[in-house]
Protein backbone atom coordinates (compact mmCIF):
# COMPACT_ATOMS: atom_id res chain seq x y z
CA MET A 1 -39.43 -67.34 -1.65
CA ALA A 2 -40.60 -66.03 -4.96
CA THR A 3 -38.22 -65.67 -7.74
CA ASP A 4 -38.55 -64.13 -11.47
CA PRO A 5 -37.84 -66.47 -14.16
CA GLN A 6 -34.09 -65.98 -13.70
CA GLY A 7 -34.15 -66.91 -10.20
CA TYR A 8 -33.98 -63.27 -8.77
CA LEU A 9 -35.84 -62.97 -5.59
CA LYS A 10 -38.90 -60.72 -6.09
CA ASN A 11 -38.79 -59.10 -2.65
CA PRO A 12 -35.27 -57.95 -1.54
CA GLN A 13 -36.46 -57.47 2.04
CA ALA A 14 -37.21 -61.31 1.99
CA TRP A 15 -33.95 -62.48 1.54
CA ASN A 16 -31.92 -64.25 4.39
CA GLN A 17 -28.82 -66.35 4.41
CA THR A 18 -30.61 -69.64 3.48
CA PHE A 19 -32.03 -68.33 0.52
CA ALA A 20 -28.04 -67.00 -0.51
CA LYS A 21 -26.72 -70.48 0.33
CA ALA A 22 -29.75 -72.19 -1.63
CA CYS A 23 -29.12 -69.83 -4.64
CA SER A 24 -25.31 -69.98 -4.64
CA ALA A 25 -25.12 -73.82 -4.63
CA GLU A 26 -27.59 -73.71 -7.68
CA GLU A 27 -24.68 -71.56 -8.87
CA GLY A 28 -22.05 -73.80 -8.16
CA ILE A 29 -20.36 -71.68 -5.54
CA SER A 30 -19.32 -72.57 -1.94
CA LEU A 31 -19.82 -69.17 0.09
CA THR A 32 -16.79 -68.17 2.06
CA SER A 33 -16.32 -64.89 4.31
CA ALA A 34 -15.16 -63.01 1.23
CA HIS A 35 -18.20 -64.04 -0.72
CA TRP A 36 -20.53 -62.91 2.38
CA GLU A 37 -18.48 -59.66 2.79
CA LEU A 38 -19.44 -58.80 -0.98
CA LEU A 39 -22.98 -59.75 -1.07
CA TYR A 40 -23.68 -57.73 2.44
CA PHE A 41 -21.94 -54.98 0.17
CA LEU A 42 -24.12 -55.30 -2.54
CA ARG A 43 -26.91 -55.13 -0.25
CA GLU A 44 -26.12 -51.89 1.45
CA PHE A 45 -25.33 -50.46 -1.58
CA TYR A 46 -28.86 -51.36 -2.76
CA GLN A 47 -30.50 -49.79 0.57
CA LYS A 48 -28.37 -46.56 0.08
CA TYR A 49 -29.41 -45.93 -3.70
CA HIS A 50 -32.16 -48.06 -4.39
CA THR A 51 -30.35 -49.88 -7.42
CA SER A 52 -28.52 -52.70 -7.78
CA PRO A 53 -25.04 -51.74 -9.06
CA SER A 54 -23.66 -52.18 -12.56
CA MET A 55 -20.28 -54.09 -12.78
CA ARG A 56 -18.43 -50.40 -13.28
CA LEU A 57 -20.18 -49.05 -10.44
CA LEU A 58 -19.46 -52.23 -8.20
CA VAL A 59 -15.80 -51.92 -9.18
CA LYS A 60 -15.65 -48.22 -8.07
CA ALA A 61 -17.61 -48.40 -4.91
CA TRP A 62 -15.86 -51.81 -3.69
CA GLN A 63 -12.62 -50.00 -4.57
CA GLN A 64 -13.26 -47.10 -2.53
CA ASN A 65 -13.82 -49.36 0.35
CA HIS A 66 -11.29 -51.94 -0.14
CA GLY A 67 -8.38 -50.44 -1.97
CA LYS A 68 -6.89 -51.41 -5.40
CA THR A 69 -6.01 -55.03 -4.85
CA LYS A 70 -9.12 -56.24 -3.22
CA GLY A 71 -11.14 -53.73 -5.48
CA SER A 72 -10.35 -54.96 -8.85
CA SER A 73 -12.69 -56.47 -11.28
CA HIS A 74 -10.11 -59.69 -11.24
CA TYR A 75 -10.66 -60.04 -7.39
CA LEU A 76 -14.39 -59.76 -8.05
CA TYR A 77 -14.58 -62.38 -10.69
CA SER A 78 -13.02 -64.70 -8.49
CA LEU A 79 -15.64 -64.83 -6.43
CA PHE A 80 -18.44 -64.86 -8.82
CA PRO A 81 -17.29 -66.06 -12.02
CA LYS A 82 -20.42 -65.40 -14.08
CA GLY A 83 -20.23 -61.68 -13.27
CA PRO A 84 -19.79 -60.32 -9.82
CA ALA A 85 -22.68 -57.82 -10.60
CA ILE A 86 -25.32 -60.09 -11.94
CA GLN A 87 -24.27 -63.27 -10.07
CA GLY A 88 -23.44 -61.47 -6.68
CA SER A 89 -27.07 -59.46 -6.95
CA LYS A 90 -28.88 -62.44 -7.40
CA ILE A 91 -27.44 -64.65 -4.44
CA ALA A 92 -27.74 -61.45 -2.37
CA GLY A 93 -31.33 -61.18 -3.21
CA LEU A 94 -31.33 -58.11 -5.35
CA PRO A 95 -32.88 -57.20 -8.66
CA LYS A 96 -30.84 -57.87 -11.69
CA PRO A 97 -28.88 -54.90 -12.38
CA VAL A 98 -30.40 -52.44 -14.91
CA ASN A 99 -27.26 -51.94 -17.27
CA CYS A 100 -25.88 -55.79 -17.36
CA LEU A 101 -26.84 -58.09 -20.08
């Protein structure tokens, strides 16, 4: 699958679990059910709003669906330590969030 120089998938519709597993392995992450839950959430967000969420939007949207404990940035960083919005979007096959460095 074609990626940009930073490893983000060029065509989000081409994403599949095989890509996610390979990308997460390169990032040093073993995907658990919690990771998959967030990856599918990120993909749904992208499909609805046609953009990858910034960290602030991700925490807010995730918190609305999962409550304050699971919806905290601390929880999200425990899944994707290099940045839930940036690293999560990459593994979910989405473009890099616009408002993230």
